[in-house]
Amino acid sequence: MAGIAAIIVKIMPSSPEANLAKIESEAKLLMEKEGAQNISFEEHPIAFGLKSISMKFAWPEEKSTDIIENSLSKIESVSSASIEDYRRAFG
């Protein structure tokens, strides 16, 4: 039986004018297609009006995490996406 990982990804928009709701909805669709579940978002102020997005979700452990950063980085108005936390989840 495959395990589940709890992952937090930090998504950095390319500018303070970026539409965070649009980024979040595209990120959710992309990750659901790859098998992510229980997706949630939090916005965090950085500086000068710029906010980062923390995306949390359950991920099938047997799948590569490269898919996550590569997919999310391709979203329009995203300058970077990096995994901040990866831990095994049970239950």
N, C-alpha and C. Protein backbone atom coordinates (compact mmCIF):
# COMPACT_ATOMS: atom_id res chain seq x y z
N MET A 1 0.84 -1.20 0.00
CA MET A 1 0.00 0.00 0.00
C MET A 1 0.87 1.25 0.00
N ALA A 2 0.56 2.15 -0.86
CA ALA A 2 1.35 3.37 -0.99
C ALA A 2 1.02 4.35 0.14
N GLY A 3 2.01 5.12 0.53
CA GLY A 3 1.82 6.11 1.58
C GLY A 3 1.36 7.44 1.01
N ILE A 4 1.00 8.31 1.93
CA ILE A 4 0.59 9.67 1.57
C ILE A 4 1.55 10.64 2.23
N ALA A 5 1.95 11.65 1.48
CA ALA A 5 2.82 12.69 2.02
C ALA A 5 2.02 13.98 2.17
N ALA A 6 2.30 14.72 3.23
CA ALA A 6 1.71 16.05 3.41
C ALA A 6 2.74 17.04 2.90
N ILE A 7 2.35 17.85 1.94
CA ILE A 7 3.30 18.76 1.28
C ILE A 7 2.82 20.20 1.40
N ILE A 8 3.79 21.09 1.62
CA ILE A 8 3.52 22.53 1.58
C ILE A 8 4.43 23.12 0.51
N VAL A 9 3.82 23.81 -0.44
CA VAL A 9 4.57 24.45 -1.53
C VAL A 9 4.42 25.96 -1.40
N LYS A 10 5.53 26.67 -1.52
CA LYS A 10 5.48 28.13 -1.51
C LYS A 10 5.47 28.60 -2.96
N ILE A 11 4.42 29.33 -3.31
CA ILE A 11 4.28 29.85 -4.67
C ILE A 11 4.50 31.36 -4.61
N MET A 12 5.47 31.83 -5.38
CA MET A 12 5.76 33.27 -5.42
C MET A 12 5.22 33.87 -6.71
N PRO A 13 4.29 34.82 -6.61
CA PRO A 13 3.80 35.51 -7.81
C PRO A 13 4.91 36.40 -8.39
N SER A 14 4.79 36.71 -9.66
CA SER A 14 5.81 37.53 -10.31
C SER A 14 5.70 39.01 -9.97
N SER A 15 4.52 39.45 -9.46
CA SER A 15 4.36 40.86 -9.08
C SER A 15 3.22 41.01 -8.09
N PRO A 16 3.17 42.16 -7.38
CA PRO A 16 2.06 42.41 -6.45
C PRO A 16 0.71 42.49 -7.16
N GLU A 17 0.72 42.75 -8.47
CA GLU A 17 -0.53 42.86 -9.23
C GLU A 17 -1.07 41.51 -9.68
N ALA A 18 -0.32 40.45 -9.46
CA ALA A 18 -0.75 39.12 -9.90
C ALA A 18 -2.08 38.75 -9.24
N ASN A 19 -2.94 38.08 -9.99
CA ASN A 19 -4.24 37.67 -9.50
C ASN A 19 -4.07 36.37 -8.71
N LEU A 20 -4.03 36.48 -7.37
CA LEU A 20 -3.76 35.32 -6.52
C LEU A 20 -4.87 34.27 -6.61
N ALA A 21 -6.12 34.72 -6.72
CA ALA A 21 -7.23 33.77 -6.83
C ALA A 21 -7.10 32.93 -8.10
N LYS A 22 -6.67 33.56 -9.18
CA LYS A 22 -6.50 32.84 -10.45
C LYS A 22 -5.35 31.84 -10.34
N ILE A 23 -4.25 32.27 -9.71
CA ILE A 23 -3.11 31.36 -9.51
C ILE A 23 -3.55 30.16 -8.68
N GLU A 24 -4.29 30.42 -7.60
CA GLU A 24 -4.74 29.34 -6.73
C GLU A 24 -5.66 28.36 -7.45
N SER A 25 -6.60 28.87 -8.25
CA SER A 25 -7.52 27.97 -8.94
C SER A 25 -6.79 27.13 -9.99
N GLU A 26 -5.82 27.74 -10.70
CA GLU A 26 -5.04 26.97 -11.68
C GLU A 26 -4.17 25.93 -10.99
N ALA A 27 -3.56 26.31 -9.87
CA ALA A 27 -2.70 25.39 -9.11
C ALA A 27 -3.53 24.21 -8.62
N LYS A 28 -4.73 24.48 -8.13
CA LYS A 28 -5.61 23.42 -7.62
C LYS A 28 -5.96 22.43 -8.73
N LEU A 29 -6.34 22.95 -9.90
CA LEU A 29 -6.67 22.08 -11.03
C LEU A 29 -5.48 21.22 -11.45
N LEU A 30 -4.32 21.84 -11.57
CA LEU A 30 -3.12 21.10 -11.99
C LEU A 30 -2.78 19.99 -11.02
N MET A 31 -2.81 20.29 -9.73
CA MET A 31 -2.42 19.29 -8.73
C MET A 31 -3.47 18.19 -8.56
N GLU A 32 -4.74 18.53 -8.72
CA GLU A 32 -5.78 17.50 -8.66
C GLU A 32 -5.62 16.51 -9.81
N LYS A 33 -5.25 17.01 -10.98
CA LYS A 33 -5.01 16.13 -12.13
C LYS A 33 -3.88 15.15 -11.85
N GLU A 34 -2.92 15.56 -11.01
CA GLU A 34 -1.76 14.72 -10.68
C GLU A 34 -2.02 13.81 -9.48
N GLY A 35 -3.17 13.98 -8.83
CA GLY A 35 -3.50 13.09 -7.72
C GLY A 35 -3.47 13.72 -6.34
N ALA A 36 -3.26 15.03 -6.26
CA ALA A 36 -3.25 15.71 -4.96
C ALA A 36 -4.67 15.77 -4.40
N GLN A 37 -4.78 15.73 -3.06
CA GLN A 37 -6.08 15.81 -2.40
C GLN A 37 -6.02 16.78 -1.23
N ASN A 38 -7.20 17.16 -0.74
CA ASN A 38 -7.30 18.05 0.43
C ASN A 38 -6.47 19.32 0.27
N ILE A 39 -6.63 19.99 -0.85
CA ILE A 39 -5.81 21.16 -1.16
C ILE A 39 -6.35 22.39 -0.43
N SER A 40 -5.44 23.14 0.20
CA SER A 40 -5.83 24.39 0.83
C SER A 40 -4.75 25.44 0.58
N PHE A 41 -5.13 26.71 0.71
CA PHE A 41 -4.21 27.82 0.45
C PHE A 41 -4.19 28.81 1.60
N GLU A 42 -3.03 29.44 1.79
CA GLU A 42 -2.90 30.56 2.72
C GLU A 42 -2.04 31.60 2.03
N GLU A 43 -2.40 32.87 2.21
CA GLU A 43 -1.59 33.96 1.64
C GLU A 43 -0.78 34.62 2.75
N HIS A 44 0.49 34.93 2.43
CA HIS A 44 1.38 35.55 3.42
C HIS A 44 2.01 36.81 2.83
N PRO A 45 1.90 37.95 3.53
CA PRO A 45 2.54 39.18 3.03
C PRO A 45 4.06 39.05 3.03
N ILE A 46 4.70 39.50 1.96
CA ILE A 46 6.15 39.48 1.86
C ILE A 46 6.67 40.91 2.07
N ALA A 47 6.48 41.77 1.08
CA ALA A 47 6.89 43.18 1.18
C ALA A 47 6.32 43.94 0.00
N PHE A 48 6.10 45.23 0.19
CA PHE A 48 5.66 46.13 -0.88
C PHE A 48 4.43 45.60 -1.62
N GLY A 49 3.48 45.03 -0.88
CA GLY A 49 2.25 44.55 -1.49
C GLY A 49 2.33 43.15 -2.07
N LEU A 50 3.52 42.57 -2.12
CA LEU A 50 3.68 41.22 -2.66
C LEU A 50 3.29 40.20 -1.60
N LYS A 51 2.54 39.18 -2.03
CA LYS A 51 2.15 38.10 -1.12
C LYS A 51 2.58 36.77 -1.73
N SER A 52 3.01 35.86 -0.87
CA SER A 52 3.28 34.49 -1.34
C SER A 52 2.06 33.64 -1.02
N ILE A 53 1.96 32.50 -1.67
CA ILE A 53 0.86 31.58 -1.42
C ILE A 53 1.46 30.28 -0.89
N SER A 54 0.95 29.82 0.25
CA SER A 54 1.31 28.49 0.74
C SER A 54 0.19 27.55 0.33
N MET A 55 0.56 26.52 -0.41
CA MET A 55 -0.40 25.53 -0.87
C MET A 55 -0.12 24.23 -0.13
N LYS A 56 -1.12 23.73 0.58
CA LYS A 56 -0.95 22.48 1.35
C LYS A 56 -1.83 21.41 0.72
N PHE A 57 -1.29 20.19 0.65
CA PHE A 57 -2.09 19.09 0.11
C PHE A 57 -1.50 17.73 0.45
N ALA A 58 -2.32 16.70 0.27
CA ALA A 58 -1.89 15.31 0.43
C ALA A 58 -1.44 14.82 -0.94
N TRP A 59 -0.30 14.13 -0.97
CA TRP A 59 0.33 13.70 -2.23
C TRP A 59 0.67 12.22 -2.15
N PRO A 60 0.39 11.44 -3.21
CA PRO A 60 0.76 10.03 -3.21
C PRO A 60 2.29 9.90 -3.16
N GLU A 61 2.80 9.20 -2.15
CA GLU A 61 4.24 9.12 -1.93
C GLU A 61 5.02 8.52 -3.10
N GLU A 62 4.37 7.64 -3.87
CA GLU A 62 5.10 6.99 -4.97
C GLU A 62 5.32 7.94 -6.15
N LYS A 63 4.65 9.08 -6.18
CA LYS A 63 4.82 10.03 -7.29
C LYS A 63 5.97 10.99 -7.02
N SER A 64 6.67 11.34 -8.06
CA SER A 64 7.79 12.27 -7.94
C SER A 64 7.30 13.67 -7.55
N THR A 65 8.08 14.35 -6.71
CA THR A 65 7.72 15.71 -6.34
C THR A 65 8.16 16.71 -7.41
N ASP A 66 8.99 16.27 -8.36
CA ASP A 66 9.42 17.15 -9.46
C ASP A 66 8.21 17.67 -10.23
N ILE A 67 7.18 16.83 -10.34
CA ILE A 67 5.95 17.19 -11.05
C ILE A 67 5.35 18.45 -10.44
N ILE A 68 5.40 18.55 -9.11
CA ILE A 68 4.77 19.67 -8.41
C ILE A 68 5.41 20.99 -8.79
N GLU A 69 6.73 21.10 -8.57
CA GLU A 69 7.42 22.36 -8.85
C GLU A 69 7.38 22.71 -10.34
N ASN A 70 7.56 21.70 -11.19
CA ASN A 70 7.54 21.96 -12.64
C ASN A 70 6.19 22.45 -13.12
N SER A 71 5.11 21.83 -12.66
CA SER A 71 3.76 22.23 -13.08
C SER A 71 3.40 23.62 -12.58
N LEU A 72 3.63 23.86 -11.29
CA LEU A 72 3.23 25.13 -10.70
C LEU A 72 4.05 26.31 -11.23
N SER A 73 5.31 26.07 -11.57
CA SER A 73 6.16 27.14 -12.10
C SER A 73 5.71 27.62 -13.47
N LYS A 74 4.93 26.78 -14.17
CA LYS A 74 4.48 27.14 -15.53
C LYS A 74 3.22 28.01 -15.53
N ILE A 75 2.60 28.18 -14.36
CA ILE A 75 1.38 29.01 -14.29
C ILE A 75 1.75 30.45 -14.59
N GLU A 76 0.92 31.11 -15.40
CA GLU A 76 1.15 32.51 -15.73
C GLU A 76 1.15 33.34 -14.45
N SER A 77 2.04 34.31 -14.33
CA SER A 77 2.19 35.20 -13.16
C SER A 77 2.86 34.53 -11.96
N VAL A 78 3.42 33.33 -12.13
CA VAL A 78 4.16 32.69 -11.04
C VAL A 78 5.64 32.79 -11.36
N SER A 79 6.42 33.36 -10.42
CA SER A 79 7.86 33.44 -10.67
C SER A 79 8.57 32.20 -10.16
N SER A 80 8.06 31.57 -9.08
CA SER A 80 8.68 30.33 -8.61
C SER A 80 7.71 29.54 -7.74
N ALA A 81 7.98 28.23 -7.65
CA ALA A 81 7.23 27.35 -6.77
C ALA A 81 8.24 26.39 -6.16
N SER A 82 8.30 26.34 -4.83
CA SER A 82 9.26 25.46 -4.18
C SER A 82 8.63 24.73 -3.00
N ILE A 83 9.01 23.47 -2.85
CA ILE A 83 8.48 22.67 -1.75
C ILE A 83 9.16 23.11 -0.46
N GLU A 84 8.35 23.54 0.50
CA GLU A 84 8.87 24.02 1.78
C GLU A 84 8.86 22.92 2.83
N ASP A 85 7.91 22.00 2.72
CA ASP A 85 7.78 20.96 3.72
C ASP A 85 7.25 19.69 3.07
N TYR A 86 7.85 18.56 3.42
CA TYR A 86 7.41 17.25 2.91
C TYR A 86 7.49 16.30 4.09
N ARG A 87 6.35 15.79 4.49
CA ARG A 87 6.39 14.81 5.57
C ARG A 87 5.38 13.70 5.34
N ARG A 88 5.73 12.55 5.83
CA ARG A 88 4.86 11.40 5.71
C ARG A 88 3.61 11.60 6.54
N ALA A 89 2.47 11.28 5.96
CA ALA A 89 1.21 11.37 6.71
C ALA A 89 0.65 9.95 6.85
N PHE A 90 0.05 9.69 7.97
CA PHE A 90 -0.53 8.35 8.20
C PHE A 90 -2.02 8.47 8.40
N GLY A 91 -2.72 7.38 8.05
CA GLY A 91 -4.15 7.35 8.31
C GLY A 91 -5.01 7.77 7.17
